Each structure stands twice: as C-alpha cells, then as structure tokens.
Amino acid sequence: MLEHLNKEFAQLELALAIQQLKKNSAPGEDQITYEFFQQIPETGRFAILWLFDAIWRRGRLPKAWKHATVLTMLKSVKDPHCTSSYQLISLTSTLSKLMERLATNWLMRYLEKFDLLSNTQSSF
C-alpha cells in the first residue's frame, strides 16, 4: 500500500484539477489566473507537473505559497459600521491552489481505493 504514496502526478490528474478550479476567482500575488491554466499548452503542463512532483518529493511548499493577501469585503445590505458586516477573503497563490486540488483528488482516490474512509465520516 505504501508504494502508492510516492507516485508522480499524471497529466490526466492535472487536467481534471484544472477543470475543477473555480472560475472567475481573483488570483493571489502571483497574478496567475485560472484561465491561464486552461489555455496553457502541453509543454507548460509538463513543466507544472515537474514542479509539483519536485515539491511533493521534497515535502515542503515554496515560501511564497504560504502567504495570503487578506481583503475585507462588506456583505450586501449590511451596516458598514459593524464589524460583523464584513467578510474576509484570502487571496493565495493560484499555483498553490491548483496543487492543493491535485493532491486532494489524489488523496480521495487513495482513501477510497483502500477503503480507508468510514461511511460515517463527515467534514473534517
């Protein structure tokens, strides 16, 4: 079972993760939009996979991926003088979010394949 934990990500997995990204979402400081990933040629996708596999093997995220720009947004029809009228939005690296989606998909398949999730499991 452990040999499945260190496999490299595949092109098909990356394509699925790109497809699952939220559309019309604001990018983080890297300023990479989700539309970029949908338009990138195959050679670019290979480069992204190479990067993600290197990060996965090393076991450490790039420092820039741990940074978020936090914005406050006034909720619609709320009192602007009340702090509970605002929601926080964290803008993080788009590359980081893509790798998170890829890893989440991979881990879910792994857990389901080896029947490691309880049918009573919910949320966290």
C-alpha atoms as a PDB file:
ATOM      1  CA  MET A   1       0.000   0.000   0.000  1.00  0.00           C
ATOM      2  CA  LEU A   2       2.856   2.450   0.745  1.00  0.00           C
ATOM      3  CA  GLU A   3       4.185   2.278  -2.826  1.00  0.00           C
ATOM      4  CA  HIS A   4       1.077   4.203  -3.912  1.00  0.00           C
ATOM      5  CA  LEU A   5       2.013   7.189  -1.748  1.00  0.00           C
ATOM      6  CA  ASN A   6       5.039   8.316  -3.754  1.00  0.00           C
ATOM      7  CA  LYS A   7       3.790   8.089  -7.321  1.00  0.00           C
ATOM      8  CA  GLU A   8       4.193  11.110  -9.557  1.00  0.00           C
ATOM      9  CA  PHE A   9       1.154  13.088 -10.598  1.00  0.00           C
ATOM     10  CA  ALA A  10      -0.189  12.321 -14.084  1.00  0.00           C
ATOM     11  CA  GLN A  11      -1.237  14.638 -16.928  1.00  0.00           C
ATOM     12  CA  LEU A  12      -4.827  13.392 -16.700  1.00  0.00           C
ATOM     13  CA  GLU A  13      -4.920  14.222 -12.974  1.00  0.00           C
ATOM     14  CA  LEU A  14      -3.645  17.730 -13.687  1.00  0.00           C
ATOM     15  CA  ALA A  15      -6.235  18.219 -16.445  1.00  0.00           C
ATOM     16  CA  LEU A  16      -9.015  17.192 -14.036  1.00  0.00           C
ATOM     17  CA  ALA A  17      -7.709  19.512 -11.305  1.00  0.00           C
ATOM     18  CA  ILE A  18      -7.581  22.425 -13.770  1.00  0.00           C
ATOM     19  CA  GLN A  19     -11.141  21.673 -14.835  1.00  0.00           C
ATOM     20  CA  GLN A  20     -12.291  21.725 -11.185  1.00  0.00           C
ATOM     21  CA  LEU A  21     -10.791  25.119 -10.331  1.00  0.00           C
ATOM     22  CA  LYS A  22     -13.283  27.883  -9.562  1.00  0.00           C
ATOM     23  CA  LYS A  23     -13.849  30.162 -12.486  1.00  0.00           C
ATOM     24  CA  ASN A  24     -13.801  33.961 -12.136  1.00  0.00           C
ATOM     25  CA  SER A  25     -11.819  33.803  -8.901  1.00  0.00           C
ATOM     26  CA  ALA A  26      -9.285  36.503  -8.097  1.00  0.00           C
ATOM     27  CA  PRO A  27      -5.628  35.437  -8.238  1.00  0.00           C
ATOM     28  CA  GLY A  28      -3.168  35.902  -5.401  1.00  0.00           C
ATOM     29  CA  GLU A  29       0.116  37.771  -5.562  1.00  0.00           C
ATOM     30  CA  ASP A  30       1.372  35.502  -8.344  1.00  0.00           C
ATOM     31  CA  GLN A  31      -1.303  37.143 -10.577  1.00  0.00           C
ATOM     32  CA  ILE A  32      -1.869  33.851 -12.438  1.00  0.00           C
ATOM     33  CA  THR A  33      -5.493  33.496 -13.468  1.00  0.00           C
ATOM     34  CA  TYR A  34      -7.351  30.199 -13.764  1.00  0.00           C
ATOM     35  CA  GLU A  35      -7.904  30.935 -17.442  1.00  0.00           C
ATOM     36  CA  PHE A  36      -4.124  30.734 -17.861  1.00  0.00           C
ATOM     37  CA  PHE A  37      -4.151  27.078 -16.830  1.00  0.00           C
ATOM     38  CA  GLN A  38      -6.978  26.305 -19.235  1.00  0.00           C
ATOM     39  CA  GLN A  39      -5.044  27.868 -22.132  1.00  0.00           C
ATOM     40  CA  ILE A  40      -1.536  26.606 -21.337  1.00  0.00           C
ATOM     41  CA  PRO A  41      -0.020  24.265 -23.942  1.00  0.00           C
ATOM     42  CA  GLU A  42       1.018  20.703 -23.130  1.00  0.00           C
ATOM     43  CA  THR A  43       4.672  21.659 -22.619  1.00  0.00           C
ATOM     44  CA  GLY A  44       3.574  24.143 -19.946  1.00  0.00           C
ATOM     45  CA  ARG A  45       1.515  21.454 -18.228  1.00  0.00           C
ATOM     46  CA  PHE A  46       4.545  19.155 -18.190  1.00  0.00           C
ATOM     47  CA  ALA A  47       6.539  21.943 -16.517  1.00  0.00           C
ATOM     48  CA  ILE A  48       3.821  22.412 -13.893  1.00  0.00           C
ATOM     49  CA  LEU A  49       3.751  18.654 -13.214  1.00  0.00           C
ATOM     50  CA  TRP A  50       7.535  18.621 -12.881  1.00  0.00           C
ATOM     51  CA  LEU A  51       7.319  21.458 -10.338  1.00  0.00           C
ATOM     52  CA  PHE A  52       4.511  19.786  -8.361  1.00  0.00           C
ATOM     53  CA  ASP A  53       6.311  16.427  -8.310  1.00  0.00           C
ATOM     54  CA  ALA A  54       9.510  18.100  -7.074  1.00  0.00           C
ATOM     55  CA  ILE A  55       7.576  19.868  -4.301  1.00  0.00           C
ATOM     56  CA  TRP A  56       5.786  16.611  -3.367  1.00  0.00           C
ATOM     57  CA  ARG A  57       9.072  14.643  -3.180  1.00  0.00           C
ATOM     58  CA  ARG A  58      10.762  17.380  -1.136  1.00  0.00           C
ATOM     59  CA  GLY A  59       7.805  17.691   1.210  1.00  0.00           C
ATOM     60  CA  ARG A  60       7.993  21.487   1.509  1.00  0.00           C
ATOM     61  CA  LEU A  61       5.904  24.184  -0.113  1.00  0.00           C
ATOM     62  CA  PRO A  62       7.549  27.299  -1.553  1.00  0.00           C
ATOM     63  CA  LYS A  63       7.578  30.117   0.988  1.00  0.00           C
ATOM     64  CA  ALA A  64       5.532  32.402  -1.294  1.00  0.00           C
ATOM     65  CA  TRP A  65       2.719  29.833  -1.297  1.00  0.00           C
ATOM     66  CA  LYS A  66       2.295  30.263   2.448  1.00  0.00           C
ATOM     67  CA  HIS A  67       1.454  33.952   2.076  1.00  0.00           C
ATOM     68  CA  ALA A  68      -2.029  35.347   1.552  1.00  0.00           C
ATOM     69  CA  THR A  69      -3.349  38.801   0.819  1.00  0.00           C
ATOM     70  CA  VAL A  70      -6.385  39.317   3.057  1.00  0.00           C
ATOM     71  CA  LEU A  71      -9.137  41.670   1.931  1.00  0.00           C
ATOM     72  CA  THR A  72     -12.240  42.767   3.795  1.00  0.00           C
ATOM     73  CA  MET A  73     -15.461  42.918   1.817  1.00  0.00           C
ATOM     74  CA  LEU A  74     -18.691  44.492   3.004  1.00  0.00           C
ATOM     75  CA  LYS A  75     -21.560  41.997   2.831  1.00  0.00           C
ATOM     76  CA  SER A  76     -24.525  43.170   0.814  1.00  0.00           C
ATOM     77  CA  VAL A  77     -27.159  45.229   2.632  1.00  0.00           C
ATOM     78  CA  LYS A  78     -25.169  45.349   5.879  1.00  0.00           C
ATOM     79  CA  ASP A  79     -24.227  48.158   8.222  1.00  0.00           C
ATOM     80  CA  PRO A  80     -20.714  49.330   7.259  1.00  0.00           C
ATOM     81  CA  HIS A  81     -20.121  50.462  10.864  1.00  0.00           C
ATOM     82  CA  CYS A  82     -20.495  46.938  12.280  1.00  0.00           C
ATOM     83  CA  THR A  83     -17.506  44.575  12.052  1.00  0.00           C
ATOM     84  CA  SER A  84     -19.778  41.536  11.587  1.00  0.00           C
ATOM     85  CA  SER A  85     -20.917  43.107   8.306  1.00  0.00           C
ATOM     86  CA  TYR A  86     -17.599  42.234   6.688  1.00  0.00           C
ATOM     87  CA  GLN A  87     -16.188  39.004   5.374  1.00  0.00           C
ATOM     88  CA  LEU A  88     -12.514  38.225   4.949  1.00  0.00           C
ATOM     89  CA  ILE A  89     -11.196  36.974   1.632  1.00  0.00           C
ATOM     90  CA  SER A  90      -7.727  35.453   1.421  1.00  0.00           C
ATOM     91  CA  LEU A  91      -6.026  35.606  -1.956  1.00  0.00           C
ATOM     92  CA  THR A  92      -3.412  32.866  -2.186  1.00  0.00           C
ATOM     93  CA  SER A  93      -1.156  31.603  -4.951  1.00  0.00           C
ATOM     94  CA  THR A  94      -3.091  30.116  -7.847  1.00  0.00           C
ATOM     95  CA  LEU A  95      -0.339  27.538  -8.384  1.00  0.00           C
ATOM     96  CA  SER A  96      -0.724  26.557  -4.733  1.00  0.00           C
ATOM     97  CA  LYS A  97      -4.495  26.159  -5.120  1.00  0.00           C
ATOM     98  CA  LEU A  98      -4.001  24.022  -8.222  1.00  0.00           C
ATOM     99  CA  MET A  99      -1.585  21.739  -6.390  1.00  0.00           C
ATOM    100  CA  GLU A 100      -3.990  21.538  -3.425  1.00  0.00           C
ATOM    101  CA  ARG A 101      -6.783  20.419  -5.788  1.00  0.00           C
ATOM    102  CA  LEU A 102      -4.475  17.858  -7.411  1.00  0.00           C
ATOM    103  CA  ALA A 103      -3.389  16.462  -4.024  1.00  0.00           C
ATOM    104  CA  THR A 104      -6.957  16.421  -2.675  1.00  0.00           C
ATOM    105  CA  ASN A 105      -8.201  14.454  -5.689  1.00  0.00           C
ATOM    106  CA  TRP A 106      -5.294  12.034  -5.403  1.00  0.00           C
ATOM    107  CA  LEU A 107      -5.765  11.502  -1.668  1.00  0.00           C
ATOM    108  CA  MET A 108      -9.513  10.948  -2.035  1.00  0.00           C
ATOM    109  CA  ARG A 109      -8.932   8.274  -4.695  1.00  0.00           C
ATOM    110  CA  TYR A 110      -6.314   6.649  -2.464  1.00  0.00           C
ATOM    111  CA  LEU A 111      -8.610   6.623   0.572  1.00  0.00           C
ATOM    112  CA  GLU A 112     -11.494   5.220  -1.449  1.00  0.00           C
ATOM    113  CA  LYS A 113      -9.337   2.602  -3.215  1.00  0.00           C
ATOM    114  CA  PHE A 114      -8.141   1.151   0.085  1.00  0.00           C
ATOM    115  CA  ASP A 115     -11.481   1.672   1.825  1.00  0.00           C
ATOM    116  CA  LEU A 116      -9.938   3.924   4.469  1.00  0.00           C
ATOM    117  CA  LEU A 117     -12.937   6.228   4.903  1.00  0.00           C
ATOM    118  CA  SER A 118     -15.753   5.325   7.237  1.00  0.00           C
ATOM    119  CA  ASN A 119     -19.262   5.710   5.819  1.00  0.00           C
ATOM    120  CA  THR A 120     -19.988   7.781   8.928  1.00  0.00           C
ATOM    121  CA  GLN A 121     -17.095  10.154   8.153  1.00  0.00           C
ATOM    122  CA  SER A 122     -18.162  13.751   7.628  1.00  0.00           C
ATOM    123  CA  SER A 123     -16.415  17.056   7.210  1.00  0.00           C
ATOM    124  CA  PHE A 124     -13.041  17.036   8.930  1.00  0.00           C
END
